[in-house]
Amino acid sequence: MNPESIHRSIAAHKQALLQHPLYAKILTIEDLNCFLENHVFAVWDFMSLLKALQQKLTCTTTPWFATKDSETRYLINEIVLAEESDLALDGRRLSHFEMYLEAMKDSGADTAIIENFIAEVFSLQNIFVAIRKSNLHPDVKAFLDFTFRVIEEGKPHQIAAAFTFGREDLIPAMFTEILQNFQHNFPETDLSKLIYYFERHIALDADEHGPMAMQMIEKLCGTDEKKWREVEAVAVEALQKRIWLWNAIEEQILMKTALV
């Protein structure tokens, strides 16, 4: 098994995401904000996948020791550098999650949902209890639970699979187009930070992080067929959970529309 066979295995799921009816439902700023208030959880838990990989593939404790594979060490540290401290639109250094929160505020989206959830995680010191106690949509809960179950299991190649295959590919490009149309139709709402976030995401994933993440998986799996099969299983399930997340957002948009 190899990356090409994984891509073939997940092709139908990726197509389902790219053709999801959700996109056609985002017609107003209220619809967009409903999307942002749910999607931000995927932006946040992505950072946990990233840091879990850094902990597994580099030395993040003291005394420091050099990890065995200097190449995977380099690959993950390079990705962390950009994801955790990238250049924001105004030139400040921010994580992509912080950029997203600022963009949400400019759009008028409610950031209290994700901020209160993170505060609860910090208070409880148990992500699974926090997920279970939250008032999030069941499919948003399932999405988060899957991510942190993969992290808890602790296999680097599986975490890398969720990180690499389970995240946006062509979807940000699609949303950039939607947002640019929104900016034209709703000029009173400043979406410049949100457009920048997605454009930055596209540029980094296509040119740098995507290829680097694939290299990381190849090095972690090598010729071990069992590891490749586990990567495939995680990749498929990660995309299934993403489809469920999209379903949840579509459902919430339709419910809000029906109440108007």
Protein backbone atom coordinates (compact mmCIF):
# COMPACT_ATOMS: atom_id res chain seq x y z
CA MET A 1 0.00 0.00 0.00
CA ASN A 2 1.12 3.60 -0.64
CA PRO A 3 -0.24 7.19 -0.68
CA GLU A 4 -1.80 6.68 -4.12
CA SER A 5 -3.87 3.73 -2.90
CA ILE A 6 -5.01 5.77 0.12
CA HIS A 7 -6.12 8.57 -2.19
CA ARG A 8 -8.13 6.07 -4.22
CA SER A 9 -9.75 4.73 -1.05
CA ILE A 10 -10.89 8.17 0.10
CA ALA A 11 -11.81 9.56 -3.34
CA ALA A 12 -15.56 8.97 -2.92
CA HIS A 13 -15.58 10.63 0.50
CA LYS A 14 -13.68 13.65 -0.79
CA GLN A 15 -16.11 13.93 -3.68
CA ALA A 16 -19.03 13.81 -1.26
CA LEU A 17 -17.48 16.69 0.66
CA LEU A 18 -16.81 18.76 -2.44
CA GLN A 19 -20.38 18.24 -3.68
CA HIS A 20 -22.06 18.59 -0.30
CA PRO A 21 -25.38 20.50 -0.40
CA LEU A 22 -24.22 22.67 2.52
CA TYR A 23 -22.43 25.14 0.23
CA ALA A 24 -25.63 26.08 -1.58
CA LYS A 25 -27.37 26.74 1.76
CA ILE A 26 -24.96 29.51 2.84
CA LEU A 27 -26.93 32.45 1.46
CA THR A 28 -26.88 35.07 4.21
CA ILE A 29 -24.40 36.40 6.76
CA GLU A 30 -26.41 34.52 9.39
CA ASP A 31 -25.88 31.28 7.46
CA LEU A 32 -22.17 32.01 7.16
CA ASN A 33 -21.88 32.69 10.88
CA CYS A 34 -23.65 29.41 11.66
CA PHE A 35 -21.00 27.69 9.53
CA LEU A 36 -18.16 29.51 11.28
CA GLU A 37 -19.49 28.79 14.79
CA ASN A 38 -19.37 25.05 14.04
CA HIS A 39 -16.36 24.81 11.73
CA VAL A 40 -14.16 26.58 14.29
CA PHE A 41 -14.10 23.33 16.28
CA ALA A 42 -12.34 21.66 13.34
CA VAL A 43 -9.85 24.54 13.22
CA TRP A 44 -9.20 24.11 16.95
CA ASP A 45 -8.86 20.33 17.13
CA PHE A 46 -6.53 20.41 14.12
CA MET A 47 -4.05 22.24 16.37
CA SER A 48 -4.26 19.36 18.87
CA LEU A 49 -3.44 16.84 16.14
CA LEU A 50 -0.50 19.03 15.19
CA LYS A 51 0.86 19.28 18.73
CA ALA A 52 0.30 15.56 19.35
CA LEU A 53 2.53 14.85 16.34
CA GLN A 54 5.15 17.27 17.58
CA GLN A 55 5.16 15.52 20.97
CA LYS A 56 5.51 12.10 19.31
CA LEU A 57 8.13 13.01 16.72
CA THR A 58 10.33 15.50 18.59
CA CYS A 59 11.60 15.94 22.12
CA THR A 60 9.40 18.45 23.98
CA THR A 61 10.58 17.61 27.50
CA THR A 62 13.74 18.13 29.51
CA PRO A 63 16.41 16.85 29.63
CA TRP A 64 16.42 17.08 25.84
CA PHE A 65 17.40 14.12 23.69
CA ALA A 66 17.63 13.97 19.91
CA THR A 67 14.85 11.84 18.43
CA LYS A 68 15.87 9.06 16.07
CA ASP A 69 14.45 10.44 12.81
CA SER A 70 15.73 13.94 12.13
CA GLU A 71 13.71 14.19 8.90
CA THR A 72 10.29 13.71 10.54
CA ARG A 73 11.47 16.04 13.31
CA TYR A 74 12.13 18.71 10.70
CA LEU A 75 8.86 18.14 8.84
CA ILE A 76 6.59 18.50 11.87
CA ASN A 77 8.52 21.45 13.33
CA GLU A 78 8.23 23.34 10.04
CA ILE A 79 4.48 22.78 9.95
CA VAL A 80 4.10 23.80 13.60
CA LEU A 81 6.01 27.03 12.97
CA ALA A 82 3.48 28.24 10.39
CA GLU A 83 0.31 26.85 11.99
CA GLU A 84 1.11 28.17 15.47
CA SER A 85 2.78 31.49 14.63
CA ASP A 86 1.97 32.55 11.07
CA LEU A 87 1.79 36.09 9.74
CA ALA A 88 -1.70 37.51 10.14
CA LEU A 89 -3.23 39.97 7.69
CA ASP A 90 -1.93 42.93 9.72
CA GLY A 91 1.57 41.48 10.14
CA ARG A 92 1.19 40.15 13.69
CA ARG A 93 2.22 36.59 14.55
CA LEU A 94 -0.84 34.46 15.34
CA SER A 95 -1.88 30.83 15.21
CA HIS A 96 -4.36 29.95 12.48
CA PHE A 97 -6.94 29.33 15.20
CA GLU A 98 -6.48 32.86 16.57
CA MET A 99 -6.78 34.25 13.04
CA TYR A 100 -10.04 32.37 12.61
CA LEU A 101 -11.45 33.72 15.88
CA GLU A 102 -10.65 37.29 14.86
CA ALA A 103 -12.25 36.70 11.46
CA MET A 104 -15.36 35.33 13.19
CA LYS A 105 -15.67 38.47 15.30
CA ASP A 106 -15.41 40.70 12.22
CA SER A 107 -18.17 38.67 10.59
CA GLY A 108 -20.42 38.94 13.65
CA ALA A 109 -20.22 35.23 14.51
CA ASP A 110 -20.51 34.13 18.15
CA THR A 111 -17.09 33.09 19.49
CA ALA A 112 -18.44 32.43 23.00
CA ILE A 113 -19.44 28.86 22.02
CA ILE A 114 -15.89 27.72 21.27
CA GLU A 115 -14.34 29.93 23.97
CA ASN A 116 -16.64 28.55 26.68
CA PHE A 117 -15.97 25.02 25.49
CA ILE A 118 -12.19 25.51 25.70
CA ALA A 119 -12.60 27.03 29.18
CA GLU A 120 -14.57 23.93 30.21
CA VAL A 121 -11.86 21.64 28.82
CA PHE A 122 -9.27 23.59 30.81
CA SER A 123 -11.40 23.43 33.96
CA LEU A 124 -12.23 19.72 33.74
CA GLN A 125 -8.82 18.64 32.45
CA ASN A 126 -10.64 15.95 30.47
CA ILE A 127 -11.53 16.52 26.84
CA PHE A 128 -13.92 13.57 26.63
CA VAL A 129 -15.98 14.69 29.63
CA ALA A 130 -16.08 18.23 28.21
CA ILE A 131 -17.34 16.92 24.87
CA ARG A 132 -19.97 14.76 26.55
CA LYS A 133 -21.22 17.60 28.81
CA SER A 134 -21.36 20.20 26.04
CA ASN A 135 -24.50 21.35 24.22
CA LEU A 136 -22.88 20.89 20.83
CA HIS A 137 -24.67 19.09 17.99
CA PRO A 138 -24.18 15.29 18.34
CA ASP A 139 -22.24 15.16 15.05
CA VAL A 140 -19.91 17.95 16.20
CA LYS A 141 -19.33 15.93 19.36
CA ALA A 142 -18.63 12.81 17.29
CA PHE A 143 -16.15 14.78 15.18
CA LEU A 144 -14.24 15.98 18.24
CA ASP A 145 -14.43 12.62 20.00
CA PHE A 146 -12.88 10.86 16.99
CA THR A 147 -9.98 13.32 16.84
CA PHE A 148 -9.09 12.93 20.49
CA ARG A 149 -9.55 9.15 20.45
CA VAL A 150 -6.95 8.97 17.69
CA ILE A 151 -4.65 11.21 19.73
CA GLU A 152 -5.22 9.17 22.89
CA GLU A 153 -4.40 5.91 21.10
CA GLY A 154 -1.04 7.50 20.48
CA LYS A 155 0.10 5.90 17.22
CA PRO A 156 2.03 8.55 15.26
CA HIS A 157 1.06 7.18 11.82
CA GLN A 158 -2.64 7.24 12.75
CA ILE A 159 -2.44 10.77 14.14
CA ALA A 160 -0.62 11.78 10.95
CA ALA A 161 -3.40 10.16 8.90
CA ALA A 162 -6.11 12.19 10.64
CA PHE A 163 -3.94 15.29 10.29
CA THR A 164 -3.14 14.76 6.59
CA PHE A 165 -6.17 13.15 4.98
CA GLY A 166 -8.93 14.25 7.35
CA ARG A 167 -8.64 17.95 6.69
CA GLU A 168 -9.59 20.38 3.94
CA ASP A 169 -8.08 19.92 0.52
CA LEU A 170 -10.05 21.71 -2.20
CA ILE A 171 -12.71 22.89 0.24
CA PRO A 172 -10.90 26.13 1.26
CA ALA A 173 -10.71 27.16 -2.41
CA MET A 174 -14.46 26.70 -2.66
CA PHE A 175 -15.05 28.79 0.44
CA THR A 176 -12.76 31.56 -0.73
CA GLU A 177 -14.99 31.98 -3.79
CA ILE A 178 -18.13 31.97 -1.62
CA LEU A 179 -16.61 34.55 0.73
CA GLN A 180 -15.55 36.85 -2.06
CA ASN A 181 -19.13 36.81 -3.36
CA PHE A 182 -20.33 37.56 0.17
CA GLN A 183 -17.93 40.50 0.46
CA HIS A 184 -19.37 41.89 -2.77
CA ASN A 185 -23.01 41.35 -1.73
CA PHE A 186 -22.60 42.37 1.93
CA PRO A 187 -19.93 45.11 1.85
CA GLU A 188 -20.90 46.25 5.36
CA THR A 189 -19.45 43.00 6.78
CA ASP A 190 -15.65 42.86 6.82
CA LEU A 191 -14.64 39.38 5.64
CA SER A 192 -11.06 40.29 4.71
CA LYS A 193 -9.53 38.30 7.59
CA LEU A 194 -11.64 35.26 6.78
CA ILE A 195 -10.71 35.40 3.09
CA TYR A 196 -7.05 35.79 4.10
CA TYR A 197 -7.30 32.76 6.42
CA PHE A 198 -8.63 30.50 3.66
CA GLU A 199 -6.21 31.85 1.04
CA ARG A 200 -3.30 31.34 3.43
CA HIS A 201 -4.55 27.83 4.18
CA ILE A 202 -4.68 27.01 0.46
CA ALA A 203 -1.19 28.34 -0.23
CA LEU A 204 0.44 26.53 2.68
CA ASP A 205 -1.35 23.21 2.12
CA ALA A 206 -0.73 23.05 -1.61
CA ASP A 207 2.87 24.21 -1.69
CA GLU A 208 4.29 23.15 1.66
CA HIS A 209 2.25 21.38 4.33
CA GLY A 210 0.45 18.89 2.09
CA PRO A 211 3.62 17.44 0.55
CA MET A 212 5.44 17.58 3.90
CA ALA A 213 2.63 15.72 5.67
CA MET A 214 2.67 13.02 2.98
CA GLN A 215 6.44 12.63 3.40
CA MET A 216 5.87 12.26 7.13
CA ILE A 217 3.34 9.44 6.62
CA GLU A 218 5.64 7.64 4.19
CA LYS A 219 8.48 7.76 6.70
CA LEU A 220 6.24 6.66 9.58
CA CYS A 221 4.77 3.70 7.66
CA GLY A 222 7.71 2.65 5.50
CA THR A 223 7.00 -0.85 4.18
CA ASP A 224 4.77 -1.85 7.10
CA GLU A 225 1.48 -2.95 5.47
CA LYS A 226 -0.33 -3.03 8.82
CA LYS A 227 0.49 0.62 9.41
CA TRP A 228 -0.65 1.55 5.89
CA ARG A 229 -3.97 -0.26 6.46
CA GLU A 230 -4.41 1.62 9.74
CA VAL A 231 -3.66 4.90 7.95
CA GLU A 232 -6.30 4.06 5.36
CA ALA A 233 -8.92 3.24 8.02
CA VAL A 234 -8.27 6.49 9.92
CA ALA A 235 -8.31 8.53 6.70
CA VAL A 236 -11.69 7.11 5.68
CA GLU A 237 -13.23 7.59 9.12
CA ALA A 238 -11.85 11.13 9.42
CA LEU A 239 -13.57 12.10 6.17
CA GLN A 240 -16.79 10.39 7.24
CA LYS A 241 -16.76 12.47 10.42
CA ARG A 242 -16.14 15.59 8.33
CA ILE A 243 -19.20 14.77 6.22
CA TRP A 244 -21.21 14.38 9.44
CA LEU A 245 -19.95 17.78 10.57
CA TRP A 246 -21.10 19.32 7.28
CA ASN A 247 -24.47 17.56 7.70
CA ALA A 248 -24.81 19.07 11.19
CA ILE A 249 -24.10 22.59 9.94
CA GLU A 250 -26.56 22.20 7.07
CA GLU A 251 -29.22 20.97 9.50
CA GLN A 252 -28.70 23.96 11.80
CA ILE A 253 -28.89 26.44 8.92
CA LEU A 254 -32.15 24.88 7.71
CA MET A 255 -33.61 24.96 11.23
CA LYS A 256 -32.75 28.66 11.65
CA THR A 257 -34.25 29.42 8.24
CA ALA A 258 -37.47 27.60 9.16
CA LEU A 259 -37.81 29.69 12.32
CA VAL A 260 -37.60 33.01 10.48
